[in-house]
């Protein structure tokens, strides 16, 4: 094999590796304070504050849902989701929101809920109107 062919194969492998690396979803986990400092898209794990108001009026705007969430470090934050309120959202044990801080509001693009179940741990993910249910076996 000629030296030029070896160099071209190595360059091709490096280029393919770079493309694959860029296509991955590298969203990190953070709390609300870290999300505000970074300005990047992050995943925040926490709990719904059930004694505070959930704002969702499908007759006025079916694609606006707002709620208050507390992350695992105890930081309380208003979260806004541009989509419909997930079914049984109030019953969720844990919530994971993916998005970024916008001023004093966390604007999320995806909501995942850990739902209570007696026999199976189900995780429901709502992303741009598509619902995915994952069951732990």
N, C-alpha and C. Protein backbone atom coordinates (compact mmCIF):
# COMPACT_ATOMS: atom_id res chain seq x y z
N UNK A 1 0.85 -1.17 0.00
CA UNK A 1 0.00 0.00 0.00
C UNK A 1 0.90 1.24 0.00
N UNK A 2 0.55 2.22 -0.79
CA UNK A 2 1.37 3.42 -0.89
C UNK A 2 1.17 4.31 0.33
N UNK A 3 2.17 5.12 0.58
CA UNK A 3 2.15 6.03 1.73
C UNK A 3 0.96 7.00 1.63
N UNK A 4 0.63 7.43 0.43
CA UNK A 4 -0.50 8.34 0.22
C UNK A 4 -1.82 7.67 0.61
N UNK A 5 -1.97 6.40 0.30
CA UNK A 5 -3.19 5.68 0.64
C UNK A 5 -3.36 5.56 2.16
N UNK A 6 -2.26 5.31 2.86
CA UNK A 6 -2.31 5.20 4.32
C UNK A 6 -2.72 6.54 4.93
N UNK A 7 -2.14 7.61 4.44
CA UNK A 7 -2.47 8.96 4.94
C UNK A 7 -3.94 9.29 4.67
N UNK A 8 -4.44 8.95 3.51
CA UNK A 8 -5.84 9.20 3.18
C UNK A 8 -6.78 8.38 4.06
N UNK A 9 -6.45 7.13 4.34
CA UNK A 9 -7.27 6.29 5.22
C UNK A 9 -7.30 6.85 6.65
N UNK A 10 -6.17 7.31 7.14
CA UNK A 10 -6.13 7.90 8.48
C UNK A 10 -6.96 9.18 8.52
N UNK A 11 -6.83 10.02 7.50
CA UNK A 11 -7.61 11.26 7.45
C UNK A 11 -9.10 10.96 7.37
N UNK A 12 -9.47 9.95 6.61
CA UNK A 12 -10.87 9.55 6.50
C UNK A 12 -11.40 9.05 7.85
N UNK A 13 -10.62 8.25 8.57
CA UNK A 13 -11.03 7.75 9.88
C UNK A 13 -11.19 8.89 10.89
N UNK A 14 -10.28 9.84 10.88
CA UNK A 14 -10.38 10.99 11.79
C UNK A 14 -11.61 11.82 11.45
N UNK A 15 -11.87 12.04 10.17
CA UNK A 15 -13.05 12.79 9.76
C UNK A 15 -14.35 12.10 10.15
N UNK A 16 -14.41 10.79 9.96
CA UNK A 16 -15.61 10.04 10.35
C UNK A 16 -15.80 10.09 11.86
N UNK A 17 -14.72 9.97 12.60
CA UNK A 17 -14.82 10.05 14.07
C UNK A 17 -15.32 11.41 14.52
N UNK A 18 -14.87 12.46 13.89
CA UNK A 18 -15.33 13.81 14.25
C UNK A 18 -16.81 13.99 13.96
N UNK A 19 -17.27 13.46 12.85
CA UNK A 19 -18.70 13.57 12.51
C UNK A 19 -19.55 12.81 13.51
N UNK A 20 -19.15 11.61 13.88
CA UNK A 20 -19.90 10.82 14.85
C UNK A 20 -19.92 11.53 16.21
N UNK A 21 -18.81 12.12 16.62
CA UNK A 21 -18.73 12.82 17.90
C UNK A 21 -19.66 14.03 17.93
N UNK A 22 -19.78 14.73 16.82
CA UNK A 22 -20.64 15.91 16.77
C UNK A 22 -22.12 15.56 16.77
N UNK A 23 -22.46 14.37 16.32
CA UNK A 23 -23.86 13.98 16.22
C UNK A 23 -24.43 13.52 17.55
N UNK A 24 -23.59 13.20 18.52
CA UNK A 24 -24.06 12.69 19.81
C UNK A 24 -24.71 13.78 20.64
N UNK A 25 -25.55 13.36 21.59
CA UNK A 25 -26.21 14.29 22.50
C UNK A 25 -25.40 14.33 23.78
N UNK A 26 -24.70 15.43 24.00
CA UNK A 26 -23.82 15.54 25.15
C UNK A 26 -24.36 16.48 26.20
N UNK A 27 -25.65 16.53 26.35
CA UNK A 27 -26.24 17.38 27.36
C UNK A 27 -25.86 16.84 28.73
N UNK A 28 -25.36 17.73 29.59
CA UNK A 28 -24.91 17.31 30.90
C UNK A 28 -26.00 17.53 31.94
N UNK A 29 -25.82 16.91 33.09
CA UNK A 29 -26.73 17.10 34.22
C UNK A 29 -26.20 18.23 35.08
N UNK A 30 -27.09 19.06 35.57
CA UNK A 30 -26.70 20.20 36.40
C UNK A 30 -27.86 20.57 37.31
N UNK A 31 -27.62 21.49 38.23
CA UNK A 31 -28.71 22.06 39.01
C UNK A 31 -29.07 23.41 38.38
N UNK A 32 -30.06 24.10 38.93
CA UNK A 32 -30.51 25.35 38.31
C UNK A 32 -29.45 26.44 38.38
N UNK A 33 -28.66 26.46 39.44
CA UNK A 33 -27.60 27.48 39.55
C UNK A 33 -26.54 27.25 38.48
N UNK A 34 -26.13 26.01 38.30
CA UNK A 34 -25.15 25.70 37.25
C UNK A 34 -25.71 25.98 35.86
N UNK A 35 -27.01 25.72 35.67
CA UNK A 35 -27.64 26.00 34.38
C UNK A 35 -27.61 27.49 34.07
N UNK A 36 -27.85 28.31 35.10
CA UNK A 36 -27.82 29.76 34.90
C UNK A 36 -26.42 30.24 34.59
N UNK A 37 -25.42 29.68 35.25
CA UNK A 37 -24.04 30.09 35.02
C UNK A 37 -23.53 29.66 33.66
N UNK A 38 -23.92 28.47 33.21
CA UNK A 38 -23.37 27.95 31.95
C UNK A 38 -24.03 28.56 30.72
N UNK A 39 -25.33 28.80 30.78
CA UNK A 39 -26.04 29.31 29.62
C UNK A 39 -26.26 28.26 28.54
N UNK A 40 -25.84 27.04 28.80
CA UNK A 40 -25.97 25.96 27.82
C UNK A 40 -27.17 25.10 28.16
N UNK A 41 -27.52 24.22 27.22
CA UNK A 41 -28.60 23.27 27.44
C UNK A 41 -28.13 22.17 28.39
N UNK A 42 -28.92 21.95 29.45
CA UNK A 42 -28.57 20.96 30.47
C UNK A 42 -29.82 20.16 30.85
N UNK A 43 -29.60 19.04 31.52
CA UNK A 43 -30.67 18.27 32.14
C UNK A 43 -30.67 18.59 33.62
N UNK A 44 -31.83 18.88 34.18
CA UNK A 44 -31.97 19.14 35.61
C UNK A 44 -32.92 18.11 36.19
N UNK A 45 -32.47 17.42 37.23
CA UNK A 45 -33.28 16.40 37.91
C UNK A 45 -33.84 17.03 39.17
N UNK A 46 -35.13 16.83 39.41
CA UNK A 46 -35.74 17.39 40.60
C UNK A 46 -37.15 16.88 40.83
N UNK A 47 -37.88 17.70 41.57
CA UNK A 47 -39.23 17.32 41.99
C UNK A 47 -40.19 18.47 41.76
N UNK A 48 -41.40 18.15 41.40
CA UNK A 48 -42.46 19.14 41.23
C UNK A 48 -42.86 19.67 42.59
N UNK A 49 -43.00 20.99 42.70
CA UNK A 49 -43.52 21.60 43.92
C UNK A 49 -45.03 21.55 43.80
N UNK A 50 -45.64 20.60 44.50
CA UNK A 50 -47.05 20.29 44.30
C UNK A 50 -47.99 21.32 44.93
N UNK A 51 -47.51 22.12 45.87
CA UNK A 51 -48.39 23.11 46.49
C UNK A 51 -48.34 24.46 45.77
N UNK A 52 -47.59 24.55 44.67
CA UNK A 52 -47.56 25.77 43.85
C UNK A 52 -48.34 25.52 42.57
N UNK A 53 -48.78 26.61 41.97
CA UNK A 53 -49.68 26.54 40.82
C UNK A 53 -49.01 25.97 39.57
N UNK A 54 -49.73 25.07 38.90
CA UNK A 54 -49.39 24.62 37.55
C UNK A 54 -50.20 25.47 36.59
N UNK A 55 -49.57 26.05 35.60
CA UNK A 55 -50.29 26.90 34.66
C UNK A 55 -50.40 26.17 33.33
N UNK A 56 -51.63 25.76 33.01
CA UNK A 56 -51.91 25.13 31.73
C UNK A 56 -53.38 25.34 31.41
N UNK A 57 -53.65 26.09 30.36
CA UNK A 57 -55.01 26.34 29.91
C UNK A 57 -55.09 26.00 28.42
N UNK A 58 -55.52 24.77 28.08
CA UNK A 58 -55.51 24.35 26.69
C UNK A 58 -56.44 25.16 25.79
N UNK A 59 -57.44 25.80 26.37
CA UNK A 59 -58.34 26.62 25.55
C UNK A 59 -57.67 27.92 25.13
N UNK A 60 -56.84 28.49 25.99
CA UNK A 60 -56.14 29.74 25.68
C UNK A 60 -54.89 29.48 24.84
N UNK A 61 -54.01 28.59 25.35
CA UNK A 61 -52.77 28.24 24.65
C UNK A 61 -52.41 26.80 24.98
N UNK A 62 -52.72 25.86 24.09
CA UNK A 62 -52.45 24.45 24.38
C UNK A 62 -50.96 24.10 24.37
N UNK A 63 -50.11 25.03 23.97
CA UNK A 63 -48.68 24.78 23.91
C UNK A 63 -47.90 25.62 24.90
N UNK A 64 -48.50 25.88 26.06
CA UNK A 64 -47.81 26.59 27.14
C UNK A 64 -48.12 25.89 28.45
N UNK A 65 -47.08 25.42 29.11
CA UNK A 65 -47.21 24.75 30.39
C UNK A 65 -46.10 25.29 31.30
N UNK A 66 -46.48 25.72 32.49
CA UNK A 66 -45.53 26.29 33.44
C UNK A 66 -45.75 25.68 34.82
N UNK A 67 -44.64 25.44 35.52
CA UNK A 67 -44.71 24.86 36.86
C UNK A 67 -43.46 25.24 37.64
N UNK A 68 -43.49 25.00 38.93
CA UNK A 68 -42.35 25.25 39.81
C UNK A 68 -41.72 23.91 40.16
N UNK A 69 -40.41 23.86 40.08
CA UNK A 69 -39.66 22.64 40.33
C UNK A 69 -38.51 22.93 41.29
N UNK A 70 -38.15 21.95 42.09
CA UNK A 70 -36.99 22.05 42.99
C UNK A 70 -35.98 21.01 42.54
N UNK A 71 -34.72 21.44 42.30
CA UNK A 71 -33.70 20.48 41.90
C UNK A 71 -33.21 19.71 43.12
N UNK A 72 -32.32 18.77 42.92
CA UNK A 72 -31.86 17.89 44.00
C UNK A 72 -31.09 18.64 45.08
N UNK A 73 -30.60 19.84 44.78
CA UNK A 73 -29.89 20.65 45.78
C UNK A 73 -30.82 21.60 46.51
N UNK A 74 -32.11 21.60 46.16
CA UNK A 74 -33.10 22.44 46.84
C UNK A 74 -33.33 23.80 46.22
N UNK A 75 -32.82 24.03 45.02
CA UNK A 75 -33.02 25.31 44.33
C UNK A 75 -34.36 25.30 43.61
N UNK A 76 -35.22 26.25 43.95
CA UNK A 76 -36.55 26.32 43.36
C UNK A 76 -36.50 27.18 42.10
N UNK A 77 -37.22 26.75 41.05
CA UNK A 77 -37.17 27.45 39.77
C UNK A 77 -38.48 27.30 39.01
N UNK A 78 -38.89 28.38 38.35
CA UNK A 78 -40.03 28.32 37.44
C UNK A 78 -39.56 27.72 36.13
N UNK A 79 -40.34 26.75 35.62
CA UNK A 79 -40.01 26.05 34.38
C UNK A 79 -41.15 26.29 33.39
N UNK A 80 -40.79 26.60 32.14
CA UNK A 80 -41.77 26.81 31.08
C UNK A 80 -41.49 25.81 29.98
N UNK A 81 -42.55 25.12 29.56
CA UNK A 81 -42.47 24.13 28.49
C UNK A 81 -43.43 24.53 27.39
N UNK A 82 -42.94 24.59 26.17
CA UNK A 82 -43.78 24.94 25.02
C UNK A 82 -44.40 23.67 24.44
N UNK A 83 -45.37 23.17 25.15
CA UNK A 83 -46.06 21.96 24.74
C UNK A 83 -47.19 21.68 25.72
N UNK A 84 -47.89 20.60 25.48
CA UNK A 84 -49.01 20.23 26.34
C UNK A 84 -48.51 19.66 27.66
N UNK A 85 -49.32 19.84 28.69
CA UNK A 85 -48.99 19.28 30.00
C UNK A 85 -49.08 17.76 29.91
N UNK A 86 -48.02 17.04 30.35
CA UNK A 86 -48.07 15.58 30.32
C UNK A 86 -49.17 15.03 31.22
N UNK A 87 -49.78 13.95 30.79
CA UNK A 87 -50.83 13.31 31.58
C UNK A 87 -50.25 12.80 32.89
N UNK A 88 -51.00 12.96 33.97
CA UNK A 88 -50.60 12.54 35.32
C UNK A 88 -49.29 13.18 35.77
N UNK A 89 -49.02 14.38 35.32
CA UNK A 89 -47.79 15.08 35.69
C UNK A 89 -47.69 15.28 37.20
N UNK A 90 -48.82 15.57 37.83
CA UNK A 90 -48.84 15.82 39.27
C UNK A 90 -48.47 14.57 40.07
N UNK A 91 -48.62 13.41 39.50
CA UNK A 91 -48.34 12.15 40.20
C UNK A 91 -46.89 11.71 40.07
N UNK A 92 -46.09 12.42 39.30
CA UNK A 92 -44.71 12.01 39.07
C UNK A 92 -43.89 12.08 40.35
N UNK A 93 -43.02 11.10 40.52
CA UNK A 93 -42.13 11.08 41.68
C UNK A 93 -40.92 11.97 41.45
N UNK A 94 -40.45 12.00 40.23
CA UNK A 94 -39.26 12.75 39.89
C UNK A 94 -39.42 13.29 38.48
N UNK A 95 -38.84 14.47 38.23
CA UNK A 95 -38.94 15.11 36.93
C UNK A 95 -37.54 15.44 36.44
N UNK A 96 -37.29 15.19 35.15
CA UNK A 96 -36.04 15.62 34.51
C UNK A 96 -36.44 16.55 33.38
N UNK A 97 -35.92 17.77 33.41
CA UNK A 97 -36.20 18.74 32.36
C UNK A 97 -34.91 19.03 31.60
N UNK A 98 -35.02 19.13 30.29
CA UNK A 98 -33.87 19.45 29.44
C UNK A 98 -34.13 20.80 28.82
N UNK A 99 -33.19 21.71 28.99
CA UNK A 99 -33.34 23.04 28.43
C UNK A 99 -32.27 23.98 28.93
N UNK A 100 -32.58 25.28 28.92
CA UNK A 100 -31.60 26.29 29.35
C UNK A 100 -32.30 27.43 30.06
N UNK A 101 -31.54 28.15 30.83
CA UNK A 101 -32.07 29.32 31.53
C UNK A 101 -32.26 30.46 30.54
N UNK A 102 -33.36 31.19 30.70
CA UNK A 102 -33.64 32.38 29.90
C UNK A 102 -34.09 33.44 30.89
N UNK A 103 -33.15 34.24 31.37
CA UNK A 103 -33.46 35.21 32.42
C UNK A 103 -33.70 34.48 33.72
N UNK A 104 -34.89 34.66 34.28
CA UNK A 104 -35.25 34.02 35.55
C UNK A 104 -36.11 32.78 35.36
N UNK A 105 -36.26 32.32 34.12
CA UNK A 105 -37.11 31.18 33.79
C UNK A 105 -36.27 30.11 33.11
N UNK A 106 -36.52 28.84 33.48
CA UNK A 106 -35.87 27.72 32.80
C UNK A 106 -36.80 27.28 31.69
N UNK A 107 -36.38 27.46 30.44
CA UNK A 107 -37.20 27.06 29.29
C UNK A 107 -36.76 25.67 28.86
N UNK A 108 -37.68 24.71 29.00
CA UNK A 108 -37.30 23.33 28.69
C UNK A 108 -37.90 22.89 27.36
N UNK A 109 -37.16 22.01 26.70
CA UNK A 109 -37.60 21.46 25.42
C UNK A 109 -38.05 20.02 25.55
N UNK A 110 -37.78 19.42 26.71
CA UNK A 110 -38.13 18.02 26.92
C UNK A 110 -38.38 17.78 28.41
N UNK A 111 -39.42 17.02 28.72
CA UNK A 111 -39.76 16.66 30.09
C UNK A 111 -39.79 15.13 30.19
N UNK A 112 -39.07 14.58 31.16
CA UNK A 112 -39.14 13.15 31.47
C UNK A 112 -39.65 13.01 32.89
N UNK A 113 -40.55 12.06 33.09
CA UNK A 113 -41.14 11.86 34.41
C UNK A 113 -40.89 10.45 34.89
N UNK A 114 -40.57 10.32 36.15
CA UNK A 114 -40.49 9.01 36.80
C UNK A 114 -41.81 8.84 37.51
N UNK A 115 -42.62 7.92 37.03
CA UNK A 115 -43.97 7.74 37.55
C UNK A 115 -44.00 6.63 38.59
N UNK A 116 -44.85 6.79 39.60
CA UNK A 116 -44.96 5.74 40.61
C UNK A 116 -45.69 4.53 40.03
N UNK A 117 -45.24 3.37 40.41
CA UNK A 117 -45.89 2.15 39.99
C UNK A 117 -45.60 1.08 41.02
N UNK A 118 -46.56 0.24 41.25
CA UNK A 118 -46.40 -0.80 42.25
C UNK A 118 -45.47 -1.91 41.75
N UNK A 119 -45.51 -2.20 40.46
CA UNK A 119 -44.77 -3.35 39.95
C UNK A 119 -43.67 -2.99 38.97
N UNK A 120 -43.84 -1.92 38.21
CA UNK A 120 -42.89 -1.57 37.17
C UNK A 120 -42.53 -0.10 37.30
N UNK A 121 -41.24 0.21 37.13
CA UNK A 121 -40.80 1.59 37.10
C UNK A 121 -40.87 2.07 35.66
N UNK A 122 -41.83 2.93 35.38
CA UNK A 122 -42.00 3.46 34.03
C UNK A 122 -41.41 4.85 33.96
N UNK A 123 -40.78 5.16 32.85
CA UNK A 123 -40.29 6.50 32.61
C UNK A 123 -40.98 7.00 31.35
N UNK A 124 -41.63 8.15 31.47
CA UNK A 124 -42.35 8.72 30.35
C UNK A 124 -41.59 9.96 29.90
N UNK A 125 -41.29 10.04 28.61
CA UNK A 125 -40.58 11.18 28.06
C UNK A 125 -41.48 11.87 27.06
N UNK A 126 -41.61 13.18 27.22
CA UNK A 126 -42.39 13.99 26.29
C UNK A 126 -41.44 14.93 25.59
N UNK A 127 -41.33 14.80 24.28
CA UNK A 127 -40.42 15.62 23.50
C UNK A 127 -41.15 16.12 22.27
N UNK A 128 -41.41 17.40 22.23
CA UNK A 128 -42.06 18.02 21.10
C UNK A 128 -43.30 17.27 20.66
N UNK A 129 -44.14 16.93 21.62
CA UNK A 129 -45.42 16.32 21.32
C UNK A 129 -45.39 14.82 21.13
N UNK A 130 -44.24 14.16 21.24
CA UNK A 130 -44.15 12.72 21.08
C UNK A 130 -43.92 12.10 22.45
N UNK A 131 -44.70 11.08 22.80
CA UNK A 131 -44.58 10.44 24.09
C UNK A 131 -43.89 9.10 23.92
N UNK A 132 -42.87 8.87 24.73
CA UNK A 132 -42.14 7.60 24.72
C UNK A 132 -42.22 7.01 26.11
N UNK A 133 -42.58 5.76 26.23
CA UNK A 133 -42.66 5.10 27.52
C UNK A 133 -41.60 4.02 27.57
N UNK A 134 -40.74 4.10 28.61
CA UNK A 134 -39.70 3.09 28.81
C UNK A 134 -40.03 2.36 30.10
N UNK A 135 -40.03 1.05 30.07
CA UNK A 135 -40.33 0.25 31.26
C UNK A 135 -39.08 -0.50 31.69
N UNK A 136 -38.74 -0.38 32.98
CA UNK A 136 -37.65 -1.18 33.55
C UNK A 136 -38.18 -2.57 33.81
N UNK A 137 -37.42 -3.55 33.41
CA UNK A 137 -37.88 -4.92 33.59
C UNK A 137 -37.18 -5.56 34.73
